[in-house]
């Protein structure tokens, strides 16, 4: 039955993806990353000097159906689980699920706990070796002797560093770390120089299992490697596969590698880049040219992802005669040029050319103007203000506490109240901002504070995971795979998660498919119809009972909404605004 459920779900996903591909292909002749800039004000009075002129910078990757493929990946999985505290079966099940999700062009390496037998210490191509990799997973051993989890990660990083430079051409490398370990506090201080340098090259997506894992250490690893941090609480440690799906959905849909946003102030304008708000993505402003240039390093960009940053500019008063620039009118001024460098995947492979054409930021410079802020820019600025407030709270209220100073004396109710008080103060400070919309933030932050009020250790893991999601603008599991920031879930992540949810409970071979078995598989019966008539006249229908528990009407509705949106975009349709009544 597990195999039938998986097949039915995959058929629905495949059917929906095909329909989406058809309507989206008409909307985009050639896939490309879209770069756009939106100024806080579309006009700046000519004589006005603005010391902090905010610009929203958005990077939008094309959907996977437009790319007709994706960048191959080299995945390293590091597992360090204590057999006395966590069952290995859900972890092995998740490992096999990850192997099944990889394509033939991908490769995998697996490291178990230190002092255990080797698993796959070097990269092994998935092509023709999927079953071998799964059998190696069956040989995985748990941690039986107390030791630092860092040893396994050390070995993984050393292996990656030994790879020839050419092995990274047109490929993306990632590390997935799954641990329940307590004894990894060495991450918090005294990292060797080589370790820190290597960590910055390879994103580590860290998953903490249960209340005993060191959330602060895993958060630090994720931050320094520009990866993500997720955790599963004690009630959800058996849902490792679903938690990994939130990450795997992105890893197996990489659209570009080496993505880097290049910013240049318009020549002769006197404009300079002051700073860049980019979350946990590395950004810099050149001091050599006085702030005339800057960059944001994204690295791997997943299909369907949208990245939002805020660039802060110093804009001087405009000269009497504005500099003539092609495509810019006499009362307009060019302030900034943004472009994206990197290797974008196309149907023929990885293209080494620029991933997106340069985009000019142009504003009007009239003698006088009524300034109306852009709501989308206002809300992105506020979001970064929230993250800054959380960073301050974490530094003052959480990180100074260690197992030595003790957690038992922490008043968790007081910490939760403090966080809510800081949030309410921030909202009051910005209550008069035109266009501000709190959206889901109020509910999310209330949930974070409530978690902190219930239990300090779980609450801090919740805060770290929520912050990781917003700073990397990617989904993370916050105690449970069902608890995610929905705005960062792409279509590929959603589909991967749905497949993970339907995995057999046994964790055995039921429902698993191997490339060597396809030719000897018996012919499957035809799939039952999705809808069946429910009335005698055939005018009404209902969901076929065979799909109950596999596909819900809500899933179908969501797919149809995406298909409809694609059709609207493909036909270049616009919503007409109602005419005003005289």
Protein backbone atom coordinates (compact mmCIF):
# COMPACT_ATOMS: atom_id res chain seq x y z
CA UNK A 1 0.00 0.00 0.00
CA UNK A 2 2.91 2.35 0.70
CA UNK A 3 4.16 1.89 -2.87
CA UNK A 4 0.69 2.65 -4.28
CA UNK A 5 0.41 5.79 -2.14
CA UNK A 6 3.80 7.02 -3.32
CA UNK A 7 2.89 6.27 -6.95
CA UNK A 8 -0.43 8.07 -6.74
CA UNK A 9 1.12 11.16 -5.18
CA UNK A 10 3.92 11.24 -7.74
CA UNK A 11 1.39 10.94 -10.57
CA UNK A 12 -0.52 13.94 -9.25
CA UNK A 13 2.69 15.95 -8.76
CA UNK A 14 3.90 14.97 -12.23
CA UNK A 15 0.59 15.92 -13.83
CA UNK A 16 0.54 19.28 -12.06
CA UNK A 17 4.16 20.01 -12.96
CA UNK A 18 3.49 19.24 -16.62
CA UNK A 19 0.54 21.61 -16.72
CA UNK A 20 2.53 24.29 -14.95
CA UNK A 21 5.40 23.82 -17.40
CA UNK A 22 3.09 24.31 -20.38
CA UNK A 23 1.62 27.59 -19.17
CA UNK A 24 4.90 28.97 -17.83
CA UNK A 25 6.85 28.20 -21.00
CA UNK A 26 4.59 30.59 -22.88
CA UNK A 27 5.32 33.32 -20.35
CA UNK A 28 9.11 33.01 -20.51
CA UNK A 29 10.90 32.20 -23.74
CA UNK A 30 14.25 31.77 -22.03
CA UNK A 31 14.87 31.25 -18.33
CA UNK A 32 16.88 33.94 -16.62
CA UNK A 33 17.38 35.30 -13.13
CA UNK A 34 15.48 38.55 -12.69
CA UNK A 35 17.16 41.48 -10.92
CA UNK A 36 15.01 44.45 -9.89
CA UNK A 37 15.45 47.62 -7.82
CA UNK A 38 12.74 49.64 -6.11
CA UNK A 39 13.59 52.98 -4.41
CA UNK A 40 11.89 54.07 -1.18
CA UNK A 41 10.82 57.23 -3.09
CA UNK A 42 10.48 57.48 -6.84
CA UNK A 43 11.35 61.19 -6.63
CA UNK A 44 14.00 63.22 -4.80
CA UNK A 45 13.84 67.02 -4.83
CA UNK A 46 16.77 68.34 -6.88
CA UNK A 47 18.28 70.42 -4.05
CA UNK A 48 17.84 67.73 -1.37
CA UNK A 49 20.69 65.62 0.04
CA UNK A 50 19.56 62.24 1.37
CA UNK A 51 21.97 60.53 3.74
CA UNK A 52 20.05 57.22 3.90
CA UNK A 53 18.16 56.53 0.69
CA UNK A 54 16.91 52.93 0.85
CA UNK A 55 16.61 50.72 -2.21
CA UNK A 56 14.97 47.29 -2.30
CA UNK A 57 17.03 44.84 -4.34
CA UNK A 58 15.26 41.64 -5.39
CA UNK A 59 16.76 38.56 -7.04
CA UNK A 60 14.20 36.13 -8.51
CA UNK A 61 15.29 32.75 -9.84
CA UNK A 62 13.22 31.13 -12.61
CA UNK A 63 11.06 28.11 -11.74
CA UNK A 64 12.53 24.68 -12.37
CA UNK A 65 10.16 23.98 -15.28
CA UNK A 66 11.66 26.92 -17.18
CA UNK A 67 15.22 25.69 -16.61
CA UNK A 68 14.49 22.19 -17.97
CA UNK A 69 17.05 20.82 -15.53
CA UNK A 70 19.24 21.90 -12.65
CA UNK A 71 22.82 22.12 -11.42
CA UNK A 72 24.23 18.73 -10.31
CA UNK A 73 25.27 18.55 -6.66
CA UNK A 74 27.84 16.83 -4.45
CA UNK A 75 26.13 16.10 -1.13
CA UNK A 76 27.99 15.23 2.07
CA UNK A 77 25.88 13.83 4.90
CA UNK A 78 27.34 13.84 8.42
CA UNK A 79 25.47 11.88 11.09
CA UNK A 80 26.27 11.80 14.79
CA UNK A 81 23.45 10.26 16.82
CA UNK A 82 23.58 8.60 20.24
CA UNK A 83 21.90 5.19 20.07
CA UNK A 84 20.88 5.54 23.71
CA UNK A 85 18.79 8.69 23.15
CA UNK A 86 17.55 8.65 19.55
CA UNK A 87 16.46 5.75 17.36
CA UNK A 88 18.59 5.29 14.27
CA UNK A 89 15.70 4.03 12.15
CA UNK A 90 14.16 7.46 11.35
CA UNK A 91 17.66 8.77 10.55
CA UNK A 92 18.40 5.87 8.19
CA UNK A 93 14.99 6.29 6.59
CA UNK A 94 15.76 9.96 6.01
CA UNK A 95 19.17 9.09 4.53
CA UNK A 96 17.62 6.69 2.05
CA UNK A 97 15.01 9.27 1.18
CA UNK A 98 17.78 11.77 0.41
CA UNK A 99 19.54 9.22 -1.82
CA UNK A 100 16.29 8.56 -3.71
CA UNK A 101 15.84 12.28 -4.31
CA UNK A 102 19.23 12.71 -5.98
CA UNK A 103 19.64 12.42 -9.75
CA UNK A 104 22.13 10.28 -11.66
CA UNK A 105 24.41 13.31 -12.16
CA UNK A 106 24.72 13.86 -8.39
CA UNK A 107 27.20 12.27 -5.99
CA UNK A 108 27.12 11.53 -2.29
CA UNK A 109 29.48 10.95 0.65
CA UNK A 110 28.40 9.85 4.13
CA UNK A 111 30.25 10.17 7.44
CA UNK A 112 29.11 8.48 10.64
CA UNK A 113 30.15 9.21 14.25
CA UNK A 114 33.82 9.36 15.09
CA UNK A 115 35.41 5.98 15.92
CA UNK A 116 32.72 4.14 13.92
CA UNK A 117 33.20 2.20 10.69
CA UNK A 118 33.55 4.15 7.46
CA UNK A 119 30.41 4.58 5.38
CA UNK A 120 31.11 6.45 2.12
CA UNK A 121 34.25 8.51 2.86
CA UNK A 122 34.69 9.72 -0.73
CA UNK A 123 32.20 11.05 -3.27
CA UNK A 124 30.35 8.26 -5.05
CA UNK A 125 28.28 8.89 -8.15
CA UNK A 126 24.61 8.09 -7.71
CA UNK A 127 24.42 6.73 -11.25
CA UNK A 128 24.40 2.94 -10.98
CA UNK A 129 25.22 3.07 -7.25
CA UNK A 130 21.95 4.05 -5.61
CA UNK A 131 21.39 0.61 -4.12
CA UNK A 132 25.00 0.44 -2.92
CA UNK A 133 24.58 3.77 -1.15
CA UNK A 134 21.38 2.59 0.54
CA UNK A 135 23.05 -0.59 1.75
CA UNK A 136 25.84 1.52 3.21
CA UNK A 137 23.19 3.47 5.12
CA UNK A 138 22.01 0.18 6.65
CA UNK A 139 25.53 -0.25 8.07
CA UNK A 140 25.44 3.09 9.88
CA UNK A 141 26.24 2.90 13.57
CA UNK A 142 25.20 5.25 16.32
CA UNK A 143 27.51 7.03 18.73
CA UNK A 144 28.42 4.65 21.55
CA UNK A 145 31.38 6.50 23.04
CA UNK A 146 31.12 10.12 24.11
CA UNK A 147 33.11 12.26 21.72
CA UNK A 148 32.90 15.56 19.88
CA UNK A 149 30.57 15.60 16.88
CA UNK A 150 32.97 18.03 15.34
CA UNK A 151 35.34 15.15 14.52
CA UNK A 152 32.93 13.84 11.87
CA UNK A 153 32.47 17.29 10.41
CA UNK A 154 36.26 17.75 10.45
CA UNK A 155 36.66 14.64 8.31
CA UNK A 156 33.98 15.78 5.90
CA UNK A 157 35.58 19.20 5.44
CA UNK A 158 39.04 17.68 4.99
CA UNK A 159 37.66 15.40 2.26
CA UNK A 160 36.09 18.39 0.50
CA UNK A 161 39.31 20.39 0.74
CA UNK A 162 41.22 17.51 -0.88
CA UNK A 163 38.98 17.62 -3.96
CA UNK A 164 40.60 19.13 -7.09
CA UNK A 165 39.45 22.66 -7.92
CA UNK A 166 38.06 21.45 -11.24
CA UNK A 167 35.54 19.25 -9.39
CA UNK A 168 33.52 22.36 -8.52
CA UNK A 169 33.07 23.52 -12.12
CA UNK A 170 29.35 23.70 -12.80
CA UNK A 171 28.48 21.83 -9.58
CA UNK A 172 27.28 22.76 -6.09
CA UNK A 173 28.62 21.24 -2.87
CA UNK A 174 26.60 21.02 0.36
CA UNK A 175 26.89 19.43 3.80
CA UNK A 176 23.92 18.14 5.79
CA UNK A 177 24.73 17.65 9.50
CA UNK A 178 22.31 15.63 11.66
CA UNK A 179 23.15 15.32 15.37
CA UNK A 180 21.69 15.08 18.84
CA UNK A 181 25.07 15.67 20.47
CA UNK A 182 25.73 17.74 23.57
CA UNK A 183 29.53 17.65 23.46
CA UNK A 184 30.08 20.06 20.58
CA UNK A 185 30.66 23.22 22.59
CA UNK A 186 34.13 23.56 21.04
CA UNK A 187 32.33 25.11 18.07
CA UNK A 188 31.61 28.14 20.20
CA UNK A 189 35.28 29.05 20.62
CA UNK A 190 38.70 28.29 19.27
CA UNK A 191 37.85 27.07 15.78
CA UNK A 192 41.10 26.27 13.94
CA UNK A 193 41.89 28.67 11.12
CA UNK A 194 41.70 25.97 8.45
CA UNK A 195 38.33 24.83 9.80
CA UNK A 196 36.85 28.33 9.70
CA UNK A 197 38.17 28.89 6.17
CA UNK A 198 36.79 25.57 4.92
CA UNK A 199 33.45 26.13 6.62
CA UNK A 200 32.98 29.37 4.68
CA UNK A 201 33.24 27.47 1.37
CA UNK A 202 30.59 24.81 1.91
CA UNK A 203 27.08 25.58 3.21
CA UNK A 204 26.21 23.38 6.19
CA UNK A 205 22.52 22.70 6.76
CA UNK A 206 22.41 21.62 10.40
CA UNK A 207 19.62 19.56 11.97
CA UNK A 208 19.44 19.17 15.75
CA UNK A 209 17.49 16.22 17.16
CA UNK A 210 15.75 16.41 20.53
CA UNK A 211 16.25 18.74 23.46
CA UNK A 212 19.81 17.59 24.18
CA UNK A 213 21.50 19.00 21.08
CA UNK A 214 23.60 22.16 21.30
CA UNK A 215 21.46 24.72 19.47
CA UNK A 216 23.97 27.55 19.89
CA UNK A 217 26.75 25.49 18.30
CA UNK A 218 24.66 24.40 15.32
CA UNK A 219 23.46 27.99 14.84
CA UNK A 220 27.08 29.14 14.70
CA UNK A 221 28.01 26.44 12.17
CA UNK A 222 25.08 27.40 9.95
CA UNK A 223 25.89 31.11 10.17
CA UNK A 224 29.58 30.79 9.37
CA UNK A 225 28.93 28.47 6.44
CA UNK A 226 25.91 30.45 5.15
CA UNK A 227 23.70 27.42 5.67
CA UNK A 228 20.53 26.91 7.72
CA UNK A 229 19.69 25.56 11.18
CA UNK A 230 16.64 23.36 11.84
CA UNK A 231 15.64 21.29 14.86
CA UNK A 232 13.13 18.64 15.85
CA UNK A 233 11.82 18.60 19.41
CA UNK A 234 11.42 15.42 21.44
CA UNK A 235 7.92 14.84 20.06
CA UNK A 236 9.04 14.99 16.42
CA UNK A 237 12.44 13.26 16.31
CA UNK A 238 10.90 10.52 14.13
CA UNK A 239 10.17 13.04 11.33
CA UNK A 240 13.76 13.44 10.13
CA UNK A 241 12.87 12.69 6.50
CA UNK A 242 10.24 15.44 6.40
CA UNK A 243 12.64 17.91 8.01
CA UNK A 244 15.32 17.03 5.45
CA UNK A 245 12.76 17.49 2.67
CA UNK A 246 12.57 21.22 3.50
CA UNK A 247 16.28 21.39 2.66
CA UNK A 248 16.45 18.77 -0.12
CA UNK A 249 13.71 20.50 -2.11
CA UNK A 250 16.13 23.39 -2.57
CA UNK A 251 19.34 21.36 -2.97
CA UNK A 252 17.88 19.33 -5.83
CA UNK A 253 16.64 22.43 -7.66
CA UNK A 254 19.78 24.60 -7.82
CA UNK A 255 19.36 27.11 -10.65
CA UNK A 256 22.70 28.94 -10.35
CA UNK A 257 26.02 28.61 -8.56
CA UNK A 258 28.51 31.28 -7.59
CA UNK A 259 25.73 33.88 -7.69
CA UNK A 260 26.99 37.33 -6.72
CA UNK A 261 25.20 40.68 -6.91
CA UNK A 262 27.50 43.48 -8.09
CA UNK A 263 26.50 47.05 -7.21
CA UNK A 264 28.00 50.19 -8.73
CA UNK A 265 27.07 53.79 -7.98
CA UNK A 266 26.35 55.78 -11.12
CA UNK A 267 29.51 57.40 -12.44
CA UNK A 268 29.76 61.15 -11.78
CA UNK A 269 26.59 61.21 -9.64
CA UNK A 270 28.29 61.65 -6.27
CA UNK A 271 26.18 58.74 -5.00
CA UNK A 272 27.89 56.25 -2.71
CA UNK A 273 26.86 52.98 -1.13
CA UNK A 274 26.77 53.36 2.66
CA UNK A 275 25.80 49.85 3.78
CA UNK A 276 23.82 46.76 2.75
CA UNK A 277 21.22 44.83 4.76
CA UNK A 278 21.59 41.22 3.61
CA UNK A 279 20.85 38.98 6.61
CA UNK A 280 23.33 36.09 6.77
CA UNK A 281 24.47 36.56 3.17
CA UNK A 282 27.95 38.07 3.05
CA UNK A 283 27.96 41.64 1.76
CA UNK A 284 30.62 44.31 1.50
CA UNK A 285 31.13 47.92 0.43
CA UNK A 286 34.42 48.88 -1.18
CA UNK A 287 36.38 51.47 0.78
CA UNK A 288 39.01 51.80 -1.94
CA UNK A 289 36.69 53.77 -4.23
CA UNK A 290 34.87 55.57 -1.43
CA UNK A 291 31.75 53.41 -1.46
CA UNK A 292 31.23 53.54 -5.23
CA UNK A 293 30.81 49.76 -5.40
CA UNK A 294 29.65 46.82 -3.32
CA UNK A 295 28.53 43.22 -3.59
CA UNK A 296 26.34 40.53 -2.04
CA UNK A 297 27.45 36.89 -2.20
CA UNK A 298 24.50 34.51 -2.58
CA UNK A 299 26.29 31.35 -3.71
CA UNK A 300 23.79 28.70 -4.77
CA UNK A 301 20.42 30.03 -5.89
CA UNK A 302 17.46 27.63 -5.87
CA UNK A 303 14.79 27.53 -8.59
CA UNK A 304 11.79 29.71 -7.73
CA UNK A 305 13.59 31.51 -4.90
CA UNK A 306 13.27 35.24 -4.26
CA UNK A 307 15.99 37.06 -2.32
CA UNK A 308 15.31 40.55 -0.94
CA UNK A 309 18.00 42.95 0.27
CA UNK A 310 18.12 46.64 1.16
CA UNK A 311 20.88 48.90 -0.15
CA UNK A 312 21.44 52.17 1.74
CA UNK A 313 22.72 55.04 -0.44
CA UNK A 314 24.05 58.52 0.19
CA UNK A 315 22.48 60.74 -2.51
CA UNK A 316 23.77 64.34 -2.76
CA UNK A 317 21.86 67.28 -4.16
CA UNK A 318 21.64 67.11 -7.95
CA UNK A 319 23.72 69.54 -10.03
CA UNK A 320 21.87 72.16 -12.11
CA UNK A 321 22.51 70.12 -15.24
CA UNK A 322 22.11 66.37 -14.77
CA UNK A 323 24.60 64.09 -16.51
CA UNK A 324 23.24 62.73 -19.78
CA UNK A 325 22.83 58.95 -19.74
CA UNK A 326 21.32 56.83 -22.49
CA UNK A 327 17.69 56.06 -21.74
CA UNK A 328 17.45 58.63 -18.93
CA UNK A 329 15.35 61.78 -19.39
CA UNK A 330 16.47 65.30 -18.51
CA UNK A 331 14.70 65.42 -15.10
CA UNK A 332 15.84 61.93 -14.13
CA UNK A 333 19.05 60.76 -12.51
CA UNK A 334 20.74 57.38 -12.55
CA UNK A 335 21.80 56.36 -9.02
CA UNK A 336 22.85 52.72 -9.13
CA UNK A 337 23.59 49.82 -11.46
CA UNK A 338 22.94 46.26 -10.21
CA UNK A 339 23.93 43.05 -11.96
CA UNK A 340 24.18 39.36 -11.10
CA UNK A 341 27.28 37.32 -11.86
CA UNK A 342 27.28 33.55 -11.67
CA UNK A 343 26.71 30.33 -13.54
CA UNK A 344 23.07 29.83 -14.49
CA UNK A 345 21.75 26.44 -15.54
CA UNK A 346 20.14 26.31 -18.96
CA UNK A 347 18.73 23.40 -20.95
CA UNK A 348 22.22 22.82 -22.38
CA UNK A 349 24.07 22.85 -19.05
CA UNK A 350 25.69 25.50 -16.89
CA UNK A 351 26.26 28.83 -18.61
CA UNK A 352 29.37 30.71 -17.51
CA UNK A 353 28.02 34.03 -18.74
CA UNK A 354 26.35 36.62 -16.52
CA UNK A 355 23.18 35.22 -14.98
CA UNK A 356 21.24 38.46 -15.46
CA UNK A 357 21.58 41.70 -17.41
CA UNK A 358 22.51 44.89 -15.49
CA UNK A 359 19.60 46.91 -14.12
CA UNK A 360 19.69 50.71 -13.70
CA UNK A 361 18.08 52.48 -10.75
CA UNK A 362 16.69 55.81 -11.98
CA UNK A 363 14.72 58.38 -9.96
CA UNK A 364 13.14 61.71 -10.86
CA UNK A 365 14.84 64.89 -9.61
CA UNK A 366 12.19 67.65 -9.86
CA UNK A 367 12.53 71.04 -8.19
CA UNK A 368 9.85 70.03 -5.68
CA UNK A 369 7.98 66.81 -4.98
CA UNK A 370 5.48 65.17 -2.66
CA UNK A 371 7.26 62.10 -1.29
CA UNK A 372 5.21 58.91 -0.93
CA UNK A 373 7.17 55.85 0.25
CA UNK A 374 6.92 52.50 -1.50
CA UNK A 375 5.08 50.03 0.75
CA UNK A 376 7.13 47.04 -0.40
CA UNK A 377 10.37 48.83 0.49
CA UNK A 378 8.97 50.00 3.83
CA UNK A 379 8.07 46.45 4.84
CA UNK A 380 11.45 45.01 3.84
CA UNK A 381 13.23 47.72 5.87
CA UNK A 382 11.03 46.88 8.85
CA UNK A 383 11.78 43.17 8.48
CA UNK A 384 15.51 43.84 8.75
CA UNK A 385 14.80 46.03 11.79
CA UNK A 386 13.04 43.05 13.40
CA UNK A 387 16.06 40.82 12.74
CA UNK A 388 18.36 43.43 14.29
CA UNK A 389 16.13 43.57 17.38
CA UNK A 390 16.27 39.77 17.67
CA UNK A 391 20.06 39.76 17.30
CA UNK A 392 20.34 42.18 20.22
CA UNK A 393 17.93 40.10 22.32
CA UNK A 394 19.84 36.88 21.59
CA UNK A 395 23.21 38.43 22.45
CA UNK A 396 22.04 39.93 25.75
CA UNK A 397 19.55 37.37 27.01
CA UNK A 398 20.62 33.99 25.60
CA UNK A 399 24.19 33.64 24.36
CA UNK A 400 25.84 34.78 27.59
CA UNK A 401 24.30 31.76 29.34
CA UNK A 402 26.23 28.49 29.13
CA UNK A 403 25.90 25.03 30.71
CA UNK A 404 28.46 26.26 33.27
CA UNK A 405 26.52 29.33 34.39
CA UNK A 406 23.39 27.21 34.35
CA UNK A 407 20.01 27.22 32.66
CA UNK A 408 17.94 26.17 35.64
CA UNK A 409 17.93 29.67 37.12
CA UNK A 410 16.46 31.17 33.93
CA UNK A 411 12.98 32.66 34.36
CA UNK A 412 11.53 31.48 31.04
CA UNK A 413 8.27 33.37 31.59
CA UNK A 414 10.28 36.55 32.06
CA UNK A 415 12.29 35.92 28.87
CA UNK A 416 9.11 35.40 26.86
CA UNK A 417 7.61 38.59 28.27
CA UNK A 418 10.81 40.51 27.53
CA UNK A 419 10.75 39.41 23.90
CA UNK A 420 7.10 40.40 23.47
CA UNK A 421 7.82 43.75 25.14
CA UNK A 422 10.70 44.43 22.71
CA UNK A 423 8.43 43.53 19.81
CA UNK A 424 5.65 45.82 20.97
CA UNK A 425 8.15 48.67 21.43
CA UNK A 426 9.43 48.17 17.89
CA UNK A 427 5.91 48.22 16.46
CA UNK A 428 5.11 51.44 18.36
CA UNK A 429 8.28 53.07 17.05
CA UNK A 430 7.16 52.38 13.49
CA UNK A 431 3.40 52.78 13.88
CA UNK A 432 3.30 55.89 11.70
CA UNK A 433 5.24 54.38 8.82
CA UNK A 434 3.09 54.72 5.70
CA UNK A 435 2.39 51.34 4.09
CA UNK A 436 3.64 49.21 6.99
CA UNK A 437 1.96 45.80 7.12
CA UNK A 438 2.97 43.39 9.89
CA UNK A 439 1.60 40.46 7.91
CA UNK A 440 2.44 37.14 9.59
CA UNK A 441 5.21 38.61 11.76
CA UNK A 442 3.00 39.30 14.77
CA UNK A 443 1.75 35.72 14.98
CA UNK A 444 5.20 34.25 14.33
CA UNK A 445 6.93 36.34 16.99
CA UNK A 446 4.18 35.57 19.50
CA UNK A 447 4.76 31.86 18.81
CA UNK A 448 8.52 32.31 19.34
CA UNK A 449 7.91 34.08 22.68
CA UNK A 450 5.43 31.40 23.80
CA UNK A 451 7.94 28.68 23.00
CA UNK A 452 10.59 30.49 25.01
CA UNK A 453 8.17 30.85 27.95
CA UNK A 454 7.49 27.11 28.06
CA UNK A 455 11.04 25.75 28.06
CA UNK A 456 14.34 27.60 27.78
CA UNK A 457 16.30 25.03 25.74
CA UNK A 458 13.53 24.36 23.20
CA UNK A 459 12.65 28.06 23.10
CA UNK A 460 16.20 29.11 22.23
CA UNK A 461 16.34 26.48 19.47
CA UNK A 462 13.05 27.88 18.15
CA UNK A 463 14.44 31.44 18.06
CA UNK A 464 17.66 30.33 16.34
CA UNK A 465 15.77 28.34 13.70
CA UNK A 466 13.27 31.16 13.03
CA UNK A 467 16.13 33.64 12.66
CA UNK A 468 18.02 31.26 10.36
CA UNK A 469 14.98 31.03 8.11
CA UNK A 470 14.57 34.80 7.79
CA UNK A 471 18.28 35.59 7.49
CA UNK A 472 18.82 33.03 4.72
CA UNK A 473 15.27 33.46 3.32
CA UNK A 474 14.83 29.69 3.20
CA UNK A 475 12.52 27.27 5.07
CA UNK A 476 13.69 25.60 8.28
CA UNK A 477 11.98 23.13 10.61
CA UNK A 478 11.15 24.89 13.88
CA UNK A 479 10.58 21.95 16.21
CA UNK A 480 8.46 20.20 13.57
CA UNK A 481 8.53 19.93 9.75
CA UNK A 482 5.00 21.37 9.78
CA UNK A 483 6.19 24.55 11.51
CA UNK A 484 7.90 26.63 8.83
CA UNK A 485 7.87 30.19 7.50
CA UNK A 486 5.61 29.57 4.52
CA UNK A 487 6.75 32.51 2.40
CA UNK A 488 10.11 30.79 1.82
CA UNK A 489 8.67 27.45 0.66
CA UNK A 490 9.13 27.02 -3.09
CA UNK A 491 7.10 24.66 -5.26
CA UNK A 492 9.95 22.13 -5.34
CA UNK A 493 10.21 22.16 -1.54
CA UNK A 494 6.46 21.64 -1.23
CA UNK A 495 6.47 18.66 -3.62
CA UNK A 496 9.50 17.08 -1.91
CA UNK A 497 7.85 17.47 1.49
CA UNK A 498 4.66 15.80 0.24
CA UNK A 499 6.66 12.78 -0.95
CA UNK A 500 8.49 12.56 2.40
CA UNK A 501 5.23 12.63 4.34
CA UNK A 502 3.96 9.54 2.48
CA UNK A 503 7.04 7.39 3.16
CA UNK A 504 6.18 3.98 4.68
CA UNK A 505 6.26 3.96 8.48
CA UNK A 506 8.31 0.76 8.56
CA UNK A 507 11.40 2.42 7.10
CA UNK A 508 12.02 -0.74 5.07
CA UNK A 509 12.33 -1.23 1.34
CA UNK A 510 8.60 -0.90 0.63
CA UNK A 511 7.98 1.75 -1.95
CA UNK A 512 11.67 2.19 -2.78
CA UNK A 513 12.70 2.10 -6.44
CA UNK A 514 16.19 1.38 -7.74
CA UNK A 515 17.43 2.05 -11.25
CA UNK A 516 18.39 -1.60 -11.70
CA UNK A 517 14.86 -2.81 -10.92
CA UNK A 518 12.91 -0.77 -13.44
CA UNK A 519 13.24 -3.33 -16.25
CA UNK A 520 11.97 -6.22 -14.14
CA UNK A 521 9.07 -4.40 -12.49
CA UNK A 522 5.71 -5.98 -13.26
CA UNK A 523 3.23 -3.90 -15.21
CA UNK A 524 1.32 -1.66 -12.83
CA UNK A 525 -2.47 -1.37 -13.03
CA UNK A 526 -3.81 1.88 -14.52
CA UNK A 527 -4.20 4.72 -12.03
CA UNK A 528 -7.79 5.27 -10.88
CA UNK A 529 -9.43 8.54 -11.98
CA UNK A 530 -8.87 11.47 -9.64
CA UNK A 531 -12.58 12.41 -9.69
CA UNK A 532 -15.61 10.14 -9.99
CA UNK A 533 -19.25 10.90 -10.61
CA UNK A 534 -21.32 11.33 -7.47
CA UNK A 535 -24.77 11.75 -9.02
CA UNK A 536 -27.01 9.87 -11.44
CA UNK A 537 -26.93 12.63 -14.05
CA UNK A 538 -23.14 12.81 -14.08
CA UNK A 539 -23.16 16.54 -13.37
CA UNK A 540 -21.41 16.36 -9.99
CA UNK A 541 -18.14 14.73 -8.95
CA UNK A 542 -16.23 13.78 -5.82
CA UNK A 543 -12.65 12.86 -4.99
CA UNK A 544 -11.98 9.17 -5.63
CA UNK A 545 -11.70 7.26 -2.33
CA UNK A 546 -8.44 5.69 -3.56
CA UNK A 547 -6.74 9.05 -3.08
CA UNK A 548 -7.96 9.72 0.46
CA UNK A 549 -5.03 10.35 2.77
CA UNK A 550 -2.74 10.89 -0.22
CA UNK A 551 -4.15 13.96 -1.96
CA UNK A 552 -6.56 16.46 -0.41
CA UNK A 553 -8.92 18.83 -2.14
CA UNK A 554 -6.85 21.66 -0.70
CA UNK A 555 -3.76 20.29 -2.49
CA UNK A 556 -5.68 20.15 -5.76
CA UNK A 557 -7.00 23.69 -5.25
CA UNK A 558 -3.51 25.01 -4.59
CA UNK A 559 -2.15 23.35 -7.73
CA UNK A 560 -5.03 24.75 -9.80
CA UNK A 561 -4.39 28.24 -8.41
CA UNK A 562 -0.76 28.04 -9.55
CA UNK A 563 -1.86 26.77 -12.98
CA UNK A 564 -4.40 29.59 -13.27
CA UNK A 565 -1.78 32.17 -12.27
CA UNK A 566 0.54 30.76 -14.91
CA UNK A 567 -2.19 31.01 -17.56
CA UNK A 568 -2.88 34.63 -16.62
CA UNK A 569 0.82 35.45 -16.89
CA UNK A 570 1.23 33.50 -20.15
CA UNK A 571 -1.61 35.44 -21.78
CA UNK A 572 -0.40 38.77 -20.42
CA UNK A 573 -3.75 39.44 -18.73
CA UNK A 574 -4.22 42.28 -16.27
CA UNK A 575 -6.95 42.94 -13.74
CA UNK A 576 -9.11 45.91 -14.68
CA UNK A 577 -9.74 48.42 -11.93
CA UNK A 578 -13.39 49.41 -11.39
CA UNK A 579 -14.28 52.81 -12.76
CA UNK A 580 -14.95 55.54 -10.26
CA UNK A 581 -18.59 56.57 -10.00
CA UNK A 582 -19.03 60.24 -10.85
